[in-house]
Amino acid sequence: MSHRQAVVFDVNETMLDLGALDPLFEEWFGDSGASRGWFAQTLHLAITLAAIRTFRNFGEIGVAALAMEAQRRDVALPDDFPARLREAVLRLPAYRDVASALSLLRDAGLTTAALTNNPLPVVQEQLTYAGIAGLFDEIMSVDEAGVLKPAPEVYAFAAERLDLPPYSVWTVAAHGWDIAGAMRSGLRGAFVARPGQLADPFAPPEIVGGNLIEVARAIVAMRAATP
């Protein structure tokens, strides 16, 4: 019998489709592609804060990044943009492969968890809205660790919460930097190639899949091969 293992999923862009934000950004910027610039800026700020071990609420980071994107494009945002952004982020749909991949892992006896930079109440509402909250054994936020991803302390916190050694925990993400942080902490990395995303060549994951079902099947197969 293989030892117990867990699979920890990133949330934004890995499981939830940020494309649902495009109409809002089209309204604000006249360009739905501005949402990609905004999220890239959000991640840039978060990674910088993680590097200098300075914690900020991820929602606050997203609002600051949106203001920067507006300044970059010389666009005046409406006064209610923070509230409208937050509401839209709470209403993101799951990618079509998510529920099947989670069910596959659970049926194989693996523990499933979510770990996100979002505050805990936000991710709980996100996953409930997307209809997948019930497919997780644990839902975790960096708020509980006191540092943002990809700081290695976040992944050590997740392994401790799951009561497992790091090598028994997989991190699944569509972001190479997330995989890199996890692997630096001794966790295993599985990358899902969402549109426009590439694995980090300096932190190559053990698994690369074109969708989450491919990733889940590979994890189950590797677990079965574990003595």
Protein backbone atom coordinates (compact mmCIF):
# COMPACT_ATOMS: atom_id res chain seq x y z
CA MET A 1 0.00 0.00 0.00
CA SER A 2 1.39 3.40 -0.98
CA HIS A 3 1.90 5.91 1.80
CA ARG A 4 -0.59 8.74 2.19
CA GLN A 5 -0.12 11.65 -0.19
CA ALA A 6 -1.82 14.99 -0.73
CA VAL A 7 -2.28 17.20 -3.76
CA VAL A 8 -2.39 20.94 -3.12
CA PHE A 9 -3.91 23.10 -5.85
CA ASP A 10 -3.34 26.75 -6.61
CA VAL A 11 -6.64 28.56 -7.24
CA ASN A 12 -6.49 31.62 -9.52
CA GLU A 13 -5.78 30.67 -13.14
CA THR A 14 -4.98 27.07 -12.16
CA MET A 15 -8.55 26.08 -11.29
CA LEU A 16 -10.57 29.27 -11.82
CA ASP A 17 -10.81 30.92 -15.23
CA LEU A 18 -9.80 34.58 -15.10
CA GLY A 19 -11.23 35.01 -18.59
CA ALA A 20 -14.54 35.76 -16.88
CA LEU A 21 -13.06 39.15 -15.96
CA ASP A 22 -12.64 40.17 -19.60
CA PRO A 23 -16.00 41.99 -19.96
CA LEU A 24 -15.22 44.16 -16.94
CA PHE A 25 -11.81 45.10 -18.32
CA GLU A 26 -13.35 45.73 -21.73
CA GLU A 27 -15.71 48.19 -20.03
CA TRP A 28 -12.93 49.94 -18.14
CA PHE A 29 -10.12 49.90 -20.71
CA GLY A 30 -11.78 49.19 -24.04
CA ASP A 31 -9.50 46.15 -24.17
CA SER A 32 -10.28 42.82 -22.53
CA GLY A 33 -6.57 42.00 -22.74
CA ALA A 34 -5.94 44.53 -19.98
CA SER A 35 -6.98 41.82 -17.54
CA ARG A 36 -3.79 39.90 -18.37
CA GLY A 37 -1.66 42.96 -17.72
CA TRP A 38 -3.46 43.54 -14.44
CA PHE A 39 -2.98 39.98 -13.19
CA ALA A 40 0.67 39.93 -14.23
CA GLN A 41 1.19 43.16 -12.27
CA THR A 42 -0.66 41.66 -9.30
CA LEU A 43 1.65 38.64 -9.30
CA HIS A 44 4.71 40.86 -9.73
CA LEU A 45 3.78 42.84 -6.62
CA ALA A 46 2.98 39.69 -4.64
CA ILE A 47 6.24 37.98 -5.56
CA THR A 48 8.19 41.12 -4.63
CA LEU A 49 6.45 41.26 -1.26
CA ALA A 50 7.17 37.57 -0.71
CA ALA A 51 10.84 38.11 -1.52
CA ILE A 52 11.18 40.86 1.08
CA ARG A 53 8.91 39.02 3.55
CA THR A 54 6.37 41.83 3.71
CA PHE A 55 2.75 40.71 3.96
CA ARG A 56 -0.19 42.46 2.33
CA ASN A 57 -3.75 41.31 1.75
CA PHE A 58 -3.97 39.90 -1.78
CA GLY A 59 -7.12 41.89 -2.48
CA GLU A 60 -5.23 45.07 -1.61
CA ILE A 61 -2.47 43.99 -3.97
CA GLY A 62 -4.97 43.42 -6.78
CA VAL A 63 -6.48 46.88 -6.32
CA ALA A 64 -3.03 48.50 -6.35
CA ALA A 65 -2.11 46.58 -9.50
CA LEU A 66 -5.31 47.71 -11.21
CA ALA A 67 -4.56 51.34 -10.37
CA MET A 68 -1.08 50.85 -11.85
CA GLU A 69 -2.52 49.34 -15.03
CA ALA A 70 -4.88 52.30 -15.35
CA GLN A 71 -2.01 54.74 -14.86
CA ARG A 72 0.06 52.87 -17.44
CA ARG A 73 -2.78 53.14 -19.97
CA ASP A 74 -3.83 56.67 -18.93
CA VAL A 75 -7.34 55.48 -18.07
CA ALA A 76 -9.58 56.94 -15.34
CA LEU A 77 -11.27 54.16 -13.37
CA PRO A 78 -14.68 54.64 -11.72
CA ASP A 79 -14.72 55.29 -7.98
CA ASP A 80 -16.29 51.90 -7.27
CA PHE A 81 -13.61 49.88 -9.09
CA PRO A 82 -12.26 48.14 -5.95
CA ALA A 83 -15.70 46.81 -5.00
CA ARG A 84 -16.52 45.75 -8.56
CA LEU A 85 -13.19 43.99 -8.95
CA ARG A 86 -13.69 42.10 -5.70
CA GLU A 87 -17.20 41.03 -6.69
CA ALA A 88 -16.01 39.81 -10.08
CA VAL A 89 -13.15 37.82 -8.53
CA LEU A 90 -15.67 36.06 -6.29
CA ARG A 91 -17.64 34.91 -9.35
CA LEU A 92 -15.04 33.09 -11.41
CA PRO A 93 -16.03 29.77 -12.99
CA ALA A 94 -13.93 26.64 -12.66
CA TYR A 95 -12.23 25.25 -15.74
CA ARG A 96 -14.12 22.27 -17.12
CA ASP A 97 -11.43 19.76 -16.14
CA VAL A 98 -11.25 20.70 -12.45
CA ALA A 99 -14.06 18.65 -10.89
CA SER A 100 -13.12 15.50 -12.82
CA ALA A 101 -9.45 15.81 -11.86
CA LEU A 102 -10.28 16.31 -8.19
CA SER A 103 -12.66 13.35 -8.20
CA LEU A 104 -10.03 11.18 -9.87
CA LEU A 105 -7.50 12.00 -7.16
CA ARG A 106 -9.97 11.47 -4.33
CA ASP A 107 -11.14 8.16 -5.77
CA ALA A 108 -7.49 7.05 -5.78
CA GLY A 109 -7.22 7.83 -2.06
CA LEU A 110 -5.26 11.07 -2.22
CA THR A 111 -6.00 14.04 0.01
CA THR A 112 -6.98 17.17 -1.93
CA ALA A 113 -6.34 20.72 -0.77
CA ALA A 114 -6.36 24.29 -2.07
CA LEU A 115 -3.69 26.86 -1.21
CA THR A 116 -3.98 30.44 -2.39
CA ASN A 117 -2.73 33.97 -1.90
CA ASN A 118 -6.38 35.02 -1.55
CA PRO A 119 -7.76 35.61 1.97
CA LEU A 120 -9.52 32.55 3.40
CA PRO A 121 -13.09 33.98 3.24
CA VAL A 122 -12.49 34.94 -0.40
CA VAL A 123 -11.25 31.53 -1.52
CA GLN A 124 -14.02 29.77 0.37
CA GLU A 125 -16.60 31.88 -1.46
CA GLN A 126 -14.80 31.42 -4.78
CA LEU A 127 -14.73 27.64 -4.55
CA THR A 128 -18.33 27.50 -3.34
CA TYR A 129 -19.49 29.65 -6.26
CA ALA A 130 -17.51 27.47 -8.68
CA GLY A 131 -19.20 24.36 -7.26
CA ILE A 132 -16.00 22.60 -6.19
CA ALA A 133 -15.58 23.45 -2.49
CA GLY A 134 -16.86 20.03 -1.45
CA LEU A 135 -14.07 18.30 -3.37
CA PHE A 136 -11.36 19.53 -0.99
CA ASP A 137 -10.26 18.08 2.32
CA GLU A 138 -8.49 21.33 3.22
CA ILE A 139 -8.80 24.92 1.99
CA MET A 140 -5.83 27.06 3.01
CA SER A 141 -4.75 30.67 2.63
CA VAL A 142 -1.39 32.38 2.97
CA ASP A 143 -3.06 34.57 5.59
CA GLU A 144 -2.55 31.68 7.99
CA ALA A 145 1.16 31.47 7.14
CA GLY A 146 1.72 35.23 7.32
CA VAL A 147 3.70 35.37 4.08
CA LEU A 148 2.76 35.32 0.40
CA LYS A 149 3.54 32.65 -2.16
CA PRO A 150 6.09 31.72 -3.39
CA ALA A 151 7.94 32.13 -0.08
CA PRO A 152 9.01 28.61 0.96
CA GLU A 153 7.42 29.08 4.39
CA VAL A 154 3.97 28.93 2.77
CA TYR A 155 4.50 25.42 1.46
CA ALA A 156 6.07 24.24 4.70
CA PHE A 157 2.94 25.53 6.44
CA ALA A 158 0.73 23.56 4.04
CA ALA A 159 2.62 20.31 4.60
CA GLU A 160 2.41 20.81 8.36
CA ARG A 161 -1.33 21.51 8.16
CA LEU A 162 -1.79 18.30 6.18
CA ASP A 163 0.36 16.41 8.72
CA LEU A 164 2.59 15.06 5.98
CA PRO A 165 6.28 15.28 5.16
CA PRO A 166 6.93 17.66 2.25
CA TYR A 167 7.88 14.85 -0.16
CA SER A 168 4.38 13.40 0.26
CA VAL A 169 2.71 16.60 -0.95
CA TRP A 170 2.25 17.63 -4.57
CA THR A 171 1.71 21.23 -5.60
CA VAL A 172 -0.33 21.70 -8.78
CA ALA A 173 -0.20 25.13 -10.41
CA ALA A 174 -0.28 26.96 -13.73
CA HIS A 175 2.57 29.22 -12.58
CA GLY A 176 6.21 28.22 -12.68
CA TRP A 177 7.09 30.48 -9.75
CA ASP A 178 4.53 28.67 -7.58
CA ILE A 179 6.03 25.29 -8.45
CA ALA A 180 9.52 26.68 -7.78
CA GLY A 181 8.57 27.84 -4.29
CA ALA A 182 6.99 24.51 -3.47
CA MET A 183 9.92 22.46 -4.72
CA ARG A 184 12.34 24.68 -2.78
CA SER A 185 10.47 23.54 0.33
CA GLY A 186 10.73 19.87 -0.60
CA LEU A 187 7.27 19.45 -2.09
CA ARG A 188 6.77 17.87 -5.50
CA GLY A 189 5.70 19.93 -8.49
CA ALA A 190 3.09 19.34 -11.18
CA PHE A 191 2.48 22.02 -13.80
CA VAL A 192 -0.73 22.49 -15.79
CA ALA A 193 -0.19 24.39 -19.02
CA ARG A 194 -3.07 26.82 -19.02
CA PRO A 195 -3.20 29.17 -22.04
CA GLY A 196 -0.11 31.34 -22.20
CA GLN A 197 1.63 29.62 -19.28
CA LEU A 198 4.98 27.82 -19.44
CA ALA A 199 6.90 25.81 -16.86
CA ASP A 200 9.92 27.48 -15.27
CA PRO A 201 13.12 26.16 -16.93
CA PHE A 202 15.07 26.78 -13.71
CA ALA A 203 12.65 24.75 -11.58
CA PRO A 204 11.39 21.99 -13.87
CA PRO A 205 8.38 20.15 -12.41
CA GLU A 206 8.14 16.37 -12.25
CA ILE A 207 4.87 16.46 -14.18
CA VAL A 208 3.67 18.72 -16.99
CA GLY A 209 0.15 18.26 -18.32
CA GLY A 210 -1.99 20.03 -20.86
CA ASN A 211 -4.95 19.89 -18.49
CA LEU A 212 -5.69 18.88 -14.91
CA ILE A 213 -6.97 15.44 -15.84
CA GLU A 214 -3.60 14.63 -17.42
CA VAL A 215 -1.87 15.93 -14.30
CA ALA A 216 -4.12 13.95 -11.96
CA ARG A 217 -3.61 10.72 -13.90
CA ALA A 218 0.15 11.18 -13.81
CA ILE A 219 0.12 11.76 -10.04
CA VAL A 220 -2.00 8.66 -9.48
CA ALA A 221 0.31 6.59 -11.70
CA MET A 222 3.41 7.78 -9.87
CA ARG A 223 1.80 7.05 -6.52
CA ALA A 224 0.94 3.53 -7.65
CA ALA A 225 4.58 3.01 -8.60
CA THR A 226 5.80 4.10 -5.16
CA PRO A 227 7.04 1.10 -3.13
